[in-house]
C-alpha atoms as a PDB file:
ATOM      1  CA  MET A   1     -19.874  -9.257   5.157  1.00  0.00           C
ATOM      2  CA  GLY A   2     -17.594 -11.182   7.354  1.00  0.00           C
ATOM      3  CA  GLY A   3     -13.906 -10.566   8.170  1.00  0.00           C
ATOM      4  CA  PRO A   4     -11.581 -10.599  11.050  1.00  0.00           C
ATOM      5  CA  THR A   5     -12.554  -8.825  14.359  1.00  0.00           C
ATOM      6  CA  PHE A   6     -10.028  -6.386  15.533  1.00  0.00           C
ATOM      7  CA  THR A   7      -9.339  -5.690  19.444  1.00  0.00           C
ATOM      8  CA  PRO A   8      -6.155  -3.533  19.650  1.00  0.00           C
ATOM      9  CA  HIS A   9      -6.199  -3.431  23.301  1.00  0.00           C
ATOM     10  CA  LEU A  10      -5.446  -5.209  26.477  1.00  0.00           C
ATOM     11  CA  ARG A  11      -6.843  -4.424  29.858  1.00  0.00           C
ATOM     12  CA  GLY A  12      -5.283  -5.191  33.171  1.00  0.00           C
ATOM     13  CA  ARG A  13      -4.621  -4.058  36.670  1.00  0.00           C
ATOM     14  CA  SER A  14      -1.496  -2.201  37.994  1.00  0.00           C
ATOM     15  CA  GLN A  15      -1.367  -1.325  41.640  1.00  0.00           C
ATOM     16  CA  GLY A  16      -4.798  -1.667  41.994  1.00  0.00           C
ATOM     17  CA  LYS A  17      -5.519   0.856  39.240  1.00  0.00           C
ATOM     18  CA  ASP A  18      -7.304  -0.007  36.018  1.00  0.00           C
ATOM     19  CA  TRP A  19      -5.156   0.445  32.747  1.00  0.00           C
ATOM     20  CA  LEU A  20      -5.434   0.310  29.109  1.00  0.00           C
ATOM     21  CA  LEU A  21      -2.529  -0.589  26.910  1.00  0.00           C
ATOM     22  CA  MET A  22      -2.866  -0.096  22.893  1.00  0.00           C
ATOM     23  CA  LEU A  23      -1.375  -2.975  21.227  1.00  0.00           C
ATOM     24  CA  ILE A  24      -0.375  -2.563  17.463  1.00  0.00           C
ATOM     25  CA  PRO A  25      -1.508  -5.707  15.583  1.00  0.00           C
ATOM     26  CA  VAL A  26       0.896  -7.268  13.437  1.00  0.00           C
ATOM     27  CA  PHE A  27       0.419 -10.164  11.201  1.00  0.00           C
ATOM     28  CA  THR A  28       2.053 -13.428  12.328  1.00  0.00           C
ATOM     29  CA  SER A  29       2.671 -16.027   9.368  1.00  0.00           C
ATOM     30  CA  CYS A  30       3.231 -19.412  11.315  1.00  0.00           C
ATOM     31  CA  PRO A  31       2.186 -22.851  10.756  1.00  0.00           C
ATOM     32  CA  THR A  32      -0.668 -24.008  12.845  1.00  0.00           C
ATOM     33  CA  ASP A  33       0.787 -27.306  13.694  1.00  0.00           C
ATOM     34  CA  LEU A  34       4.069 -26.967  15.541  1.00  0.00           C
ATOM     35  CA  SER A  35       6.181 -29.386  17.621  1.00  0.00           C
ATOM     36  CA  VAL A  36       6.729 -28.521  21.134  1.00  0.00           C
ATOM     37  CA  ALA A  37      10.128 -26.821  20.614  1.00  0.00           C
ATOM     38  CA  GLN A  38       8.768 -25.066  17.829  1.00  0.00           C
ATOM     39  CA  PHE A  39       5.799 -23.757  19.893  1.00  0.00           C
ATOM     40  CA  GLU A  40       7.985 -22.417  22.559  1.00  0.00           C
ATOM     41  CA  ILE A  41       9.935 -20.590  20.260  1.00  0.00           C
ATOM     42  CA  LYS A  42       6.770 -19.026  18.716  1.00  0.00           C
ATOM     43  CA  ARG A  43       5.561 -18.299  22.310  1.00  0.00           C
ATOM     44  CA  ALA A  44       8.864 -16.617  23.193  1.00  0.00           C
ATOM     45  CA  ILE A  45       8.524 -14.270  20.115  1.00  0.00           C
ATOM     46  CA  GLU A  46       5.145 -13.290  20.711  1.00  0.00           C
ATOM     47  CA  GLY A  47       6.004 -12.762  24.349  1.00  0.00           C
ATOM     48  CA  GLU A  48       8.661 -10.142  23.084  1.00  0.00           C
ATOM     49  CA  LEU A  49       6.157  -8.866  20.522  1.00  0.00           C
ATOM     50  CA  GLY A  50       3.758  -7.897  23.459  1.00  0.00           C
ATOM     51  CA  ARG A  51       6.519  -6.373  25.557  1.00  0.00           C
ATOM     52  CA  GLN A  52       7.192  -4.158  22.523  1.00  0.00           C
ATOM     53  CA  GLY A  53       3.315  -2.982  22.278  1.00  0.00           C
ATOM     54  CA  LEU A  54       2.644  -5.497  19.384  1.00  0.00           C
ATOM     55  CA  GLU A  55      -0.187  -7.913  18.992  1.00  0.00           C
ATOM     56  CA  SER A  56       0.359 -11.032  17.109  1.00  0.00           C
ATOM     57  CA  ARG A  57      -2.621 -11.716  14.843  1.00  0.00           C
ATOM     58  CA  ALA A  58      -3.175 -14.782  12.531  1.00  0.00           C
ATOM     59  CA  VAL A  59      -5.795 -16.180  10.386  1.00  0.00           C
ATOM     60  CA  GLY A  60      -7.179 -19.489  12.101  1.00  0.00           C
ATOM     61  CA  GLN A  61      -5.260 -18.748  15.455  1.00  0.00           C
ATOM     62  CA  THR A  62      -6.616 -15.319  16.573  1.00  0.00           C
ATOM     63  CA  ASP A  63      -8.919 -14.406  13.760  1.00  0.00           C
ATOM     64  CA  TYR A  64     -11.306 -16.929  12.388  1.00  0.00           C
ATOM     65  CA  PRO A  65     -12.249 -16.789   8.550  1.00  0.00           C
ATOM     66  CA  THR A  66     -15.767 -16.341   7.176  1.00  0.00           C
ATOM     67  CA  SER A  67     -14.663 -16.546   3.666  1.00  0.00           C
ATOM     68  CA  ASN A  68     -11.765 -18.238   1.667  1.00  0.00           C
ATOM     69  CA  PRO A  69      -8.263 -18.085   3.375  1.00  0.00           C
ATOM     70  CA  LEU A  70      -6.667 -15.974   0.799  1.00  0.00           C
ATOM     71  CA  THR A  71      -9.145 -13.200   1.261  1.00  0.00           C
ATOM     72  CA  GLU A  72      -9.085 -13.318   4.801  1.00  0.00           C
ATOM     73  CA  VAL A  73      -5.143 -13.256   5.014  1.00  0.00           C
ATOM     74  CA  LEU A  74      -5.449 -10.088   2.639  1.00  0.00           C
ATOM     75  CA  MET A  75      -7.950  -8.485   4.905  1.00  0.00           C
ATOM     76  CA  LEU A  76      -6.198  -9.134   8.263  1.00  0.00           C
ATOM     77  CA  GLY A  77      -2.908  -7.848   6.389  1.00  0.00           C
ATOM     78  CA  ARG A  78      -4.515  -4.644   5.563  1.00  0.00           C
ATOM     79  CA  HIS A  79      -5.533  -3.888   9.070  1.00  0.00           C
ATOM     80  CA  CYS A  80      -2.152  -4.929  10.469  1.00  0.00           C
ATOM     81  CA  ALA A  81       1.039  -2.493  10.651  1.00  0.00           C
ATOM     82  CA  GLY A  82       3.385  -5.088  10.231  1.00  0.00           C
ATOM     83  CA  GLY A  83       4.410  -8.841   9.510  1.00  0.00           C
ATOM     84  CA  VAL A  84       6.429 -11.573  11.370  1.00  0.00           C
ATOM     85  CA  ILE A  85       7.180 -14.447   9.096  1.00  0.00           C
ATOM     86  CA  LEU A  86       8.135 -17.506  11.107  1.00  0.00           C
ATOM     87  CA  GLY A  87       9.826 -20.246   8.793  1.00  0.00           C
ATOM     88  CA  PHE A  88       9.280 -23.453  10.833  1.00  0.00           C
ATOM     89  CA  THR A  89      10.038 -26.735   9.348  1.00  0.00           C
ATOM     90  CA  GLN A  90       6.740 -28.374   7.921  1.00  0.00           C
ATOM     91  CA  PHE A  91       8.356 -30.983   5.602  1.00  0.00           C
ATOM     92  CA  SER A  92      11.370 -32.914   5.961  1.00  0.00           C
ATOM     93  CA  ALA A  93      12.858 -35.498   3.458  1.00  0.00           C
ATOM     94  CA  PRO A  94      16.269 -37.317   3.840  1.00  0.00           C
ATOM     95  CA  SER A  95      17.399 -36.216   0.264  1.00  0.00           C
ATOM     96  CA  GLY A  96      15.893 -34.866  -3.009  1.00  0.00           C
ATOM     97  CA  ARG A  97      16.329 -33.282  -6.146  1.00  0.00           C
ATOM     98  CA  PHE A  98      15.704 -29.472  -7.012  1.00  0.00           C
ATOM     99  CA  LYS A  99      14.313 -28.600 -10.371  1.00  0.00           C
ATOM    100  CA  PRO A 100      14.169 -32.311 -11.684  1.00  0.00           C
ATOM    101  CA  GLY A 101      14.428 -32.890 -15.358  1.00  0.00           C
ATOM    102  CA  THR A 102      15.712 -29.074 -16.091  1.00  0.00           C
ATOM    103  CA  GLY A 103      19.087 -27.893 -17.084  1.00  0.00           C
ATOM    104  CA  HIS A 104      19.382 -26.747 -13.627  1.00  0.00           C
ATOM    105  CA  GLU A 105      18.577 -30.165 -11.741  1.00  0.00           C
ATOM    106  CA  ARG A 106      20.354 -30.347  -8.369  1.00  0.00           C
ATOM    107  CA  LYS A 107      20.914 -33.527  -6.134  1.00  0.00           C
ATOM    108  CA  VAL A 108      20.642 -32.995  -2.683  1.00  0.00           C
ATOM    109  CA  ALA A 109      21.972 -35.716  -0.496  1.00  0.00           C
ATOM    110  CA  THR A 110      21.352 -34.205   2.700  1.00  0.00           C
ATOM    111  CA  LYS A 111      17.983 -33.438   4.705  1.00  0.00           C
ATOM    112  CA  VAL A 112      15.733 -31.180   2.612  1.00  0.00           C
ATOM    113  CA  VAL A 113      13.403 -29.034   4.826  1.00  0.00           C
ATOM    114  CA  MET A 114      10.571 -26.784   3.719  1.00  0.00           C
ATOM    115  CA  PRO A 115       8.176 -24.373   5.507  1.00  0.00           C
ATOM    116  CA  THR A 116       4.617 -24.014   4.956  1.00  0.00           C
ATOM    117  CA  PRO A 117       3.843 -22.611   1.671  1.00  0.00           C
ATOM    118  CA  TRP A 118       1.504 -19.979   3.349  1.00  0.00           C
ATOM    119  CA  ASN A 119       4.762 -18.435   4.630  1.00  0.00           C
ATOM    120  CA  GLN A 120       5.497 -17.389   1.016  1.00  0.00           C
ATOM    121  CA  ILE A 121       1.865 -16.295   0.304  1.00  0.00           C
ATOM    122  CA  GLU A 122       1.758 -14.061   3.439  1.00  0.00           C
ATOM    123  CA  ALA A 123       4.934 -12.683   2.925  1.00  0.00           C
ATOM    124  CA  GLY A 124       4.261 -11.656  -0.568  1.00  0.00           C
ATOM    125  CA  LEU A 125       0.798 -10.170   0.422  1.00  0.00           C
ATOM    126  CA  LEU A 126       2.466  -8.102   3.318  1.00  0.00           C
ATOM    127  CA  PHE A 127       5.286  -6.951   1.091  1.00  0.00           C
ATOM    128  CA  ALA A 128       2.732  -5.753  -1.388  1.00  0.00           C
ATOM    129  CA  LEU A 129       0.877  -4.112   1.098  1.00  0.00           C
ATOM    130  CA  GLY A 130       4.000  -2.081   1.840  1.00  0.00           C
ATOM    131  CA  LYS A 131       4.034  -3.399   5.667  1.00  0.00           C
ATOM    132  CA  PRO A 132       7.247  -3.632   7.629  1.00  0.00           C
ATOM    133  CA  LEU A 133       8.747  -7.227   7.889  1.00  0.00           C
ATOM    134  CA  ILE A 134      10.861  -9.389   9.979  1.00  0.00           C
ATOM    135  CA  VAL A 135      11.776 -12.965   8.831  1.00  0.00           C
ATOM    136  CA  PHE A 136      12.971 -15.648  11.000  1.00  0.00           C
ATOM    137  CA  ARG A 137      13.956 -19.032   9.622  1.00  0.00           C
ATOM    138  CA  GLU A 138      14.847 -22.449  11.100  1.00  0.00           C
ATOM    139  CA  LYS A 139      18.170 -23.991   9.974  1.00  0.00           C
ATOM    140  CA  GLY A 140      18.023 -25.327   6.466  1.00  0.00           C
ATOM    141  CA  ILE A 141      14.776 -23.244   5.373  1.00  0.00           C
ATOM    142  CA  GLY A 142      15.281 -21.369   2.103  1.00  0.00           C
ATOM    143  CA  GLY A 143      13.705 -20.230  -1.050  1.00  0.00           C
ATOM    144  CA  GLY A 144      11.704 -17.176  -1.737  1.00  0.00           C
ATOM    145  CA  VAL A 145      11.494 -14.787   1.254  1.00  0.00           C
ATOM    146  CA  PHE A 146      13.875 -17.049   3.302  1.00  0.00           C
ATOM    147  CA  ASP A 147      16.750 -16.225   0.811  1.00  0.00           C
ATOM    148  CA  ALA A 148      19.100 -13.547   1.416  1.00  0.00           C
ATOM    149  CA  GLY A 149      18.873 -10.854  -1.244  1.00  0.00           C
ATOM    150  CA  ASN A 150      15.388 -11.561  -2.207  1.00  0.00           C
ATOM    151  CA  THR A 151      14.074  -8.545  -0.442  1.00  0.00           C
ATOM    152  CA  ASN A 152      15.714  -5.772   1.320  1.00  0.00           C
ATOM    153  CA  LEU A 153      15.455  -7.798   4.679  1.00  0.00           C
ATOM    154  CA  PHE A 154      17.829  -9.460   6.938  1.00  0.00           C
ATOM    155  CA  ILE A 155      16.920 -12.947   7.278  1.00  0.00           C
ATOM    156  CA  HIS A 156      17.071 -14.013  11.122  1.00  0.00           C
ATOM    157  CA  ASP A 157      18.007 -17.470  12.160  1.00  0.00           C
ATOM    158  CA  MET A 158      15.163 -18.816  14.638  1.00  0.00           C
ATOM    159  CA  PRO A 159      16.073 -18.280  18.105  1.00  0.00           C
ATOM    160  CA  PRO A 160      17.097 -21.353  20.270  1.00  0.00           C
ATOM    161  CA  ILE A 161      14.649 -23.516  22.192  1.00  0.00           C
ATOM    162  CA  SER A 162      16.850 -22.862  25.177  1.00  0.00           C
ATOM    163  CA  PRO A 163      18.093 -19.236  24.899  1.00  0.00           C
ATOM    164  CA  THR A 164      21.134 -17.841  26.692  1.00  0.00           C
ATOM    165  CA  ALA A 165      20.996 -14.348  28.246  1.00  0.00           C
ATOM    166  CA  MET A 166      22.757 -13.158  24.912  1.00  0.00           C
ATOM    167  CA  ASP A 167      20.367 -14.732  22.774  1.00  0.00           C
ATOM    168  CA  LYS A 168      17.439 -13.110  24.893  1.00  0.00           C
ATOM    169  CA  LYS A 169      19.186  -9.691  24.424  1.00  0.00           C
ATOM    170  CA  ARG A 170      19.661 -10.175  20.621  1.00  0.00           C
ATOM    171  CA  LEU A 171      16.064 -11.214  20.203  1.00  0.00           C
ATOM    172  CA  ARG A 172      14.862  -8.178  22.311  1.00  0.00           C
ATOM    173  CA  GLU A 173      17.143  -5.730  20.333  1.00  0.00           C
ATOM    174  CA  VAL A 174      16.044  -7.193  16.767  1.00  0.00           C
ATOM    175  CA  LEU A 175      12.235  -6.963  17.971  1.00  0.00           C
ATOM    176  CA  GLN A 176      12.982  -3.206  19.239  1.00  0.00           C
ATOM    177  CA  ARG A 177      13.964  -2.235  16.048  1.00  0.00           C
ATOM    178  CA  PHE A 178      11.222  -3.954  14.173  1.00  0.00           C
ATOM    179  CA  SER A 179       8.775  -2.468  16.543  1.00  0.00           C
ATOM    180  CA  ALA A 180      10.102   0.792  15.933  1.00  0.00           C
ATOM    181  CA  GLU A 181       9.360   0.448  12.232  1.00  0.00           C
ATOM    182  CA  VAL A 182       5.872  -0.903  12.975  1.00  0.00           C
ATOM    183  CA  HIS A 183       4.981   1.973  15.294  1.00  0.00           C
ATOM    184  CA  GLY A 184       6.023   4.474  12.605  1.00  0.00           C
ATOM    185  CA  HIS A 185       4.089   2.709   9.900  1.00  0.00           C
ATOM    186  CA  TYR A 186       0.872   2.644  12.256  1.00  0.00           C
ATOM    187  CA  TYR A 187       1.152   6.103  13.317  1.00  0.00           C
ATOM    188  CA  LYS A 188       1.680   7.458   9.734  1.00  0.00           C
ATOM    189  CA  PHE A 189      -1.815   6.320   8.513  1.00  0.00           C
END
């Protein structure tokens, strides 16, 4: 029976001595195809996760499916102690209509952006599994998990591509709090 493989550690050297650092796996919901700017932001978030003792895991990026993607997401989600949802823009249109043909139709004359639908699926599965979640979204991303009040989560703006020292401090503090939740979840198993 296939499934993701798990390697919850990182080997390295420090002052001539071997060391082993346990990294706790967290599921990262993020599109595979990113712009250069989006990739740099993802890399910064994953770097900070690593400094917090967390390891980013994702189907098709760190773990490769042997069955259908939804089953793989569920299997990986079960083995992770938390989830990071990165709502990057994956679709953009100059304008649009929400709920066309209904009594709640709404025309939008400004740019409409949407994340990957996998963000919603993966967030829903992780929420149902009772995993601690942290959600980031690019400007304009909304709906489902990205709407304030739909969960008990605070929805964070995506960090800027060229962060100031204050931006870096904010990200570190937010991820430290998330890390504490993940560590608590991991060690209560």
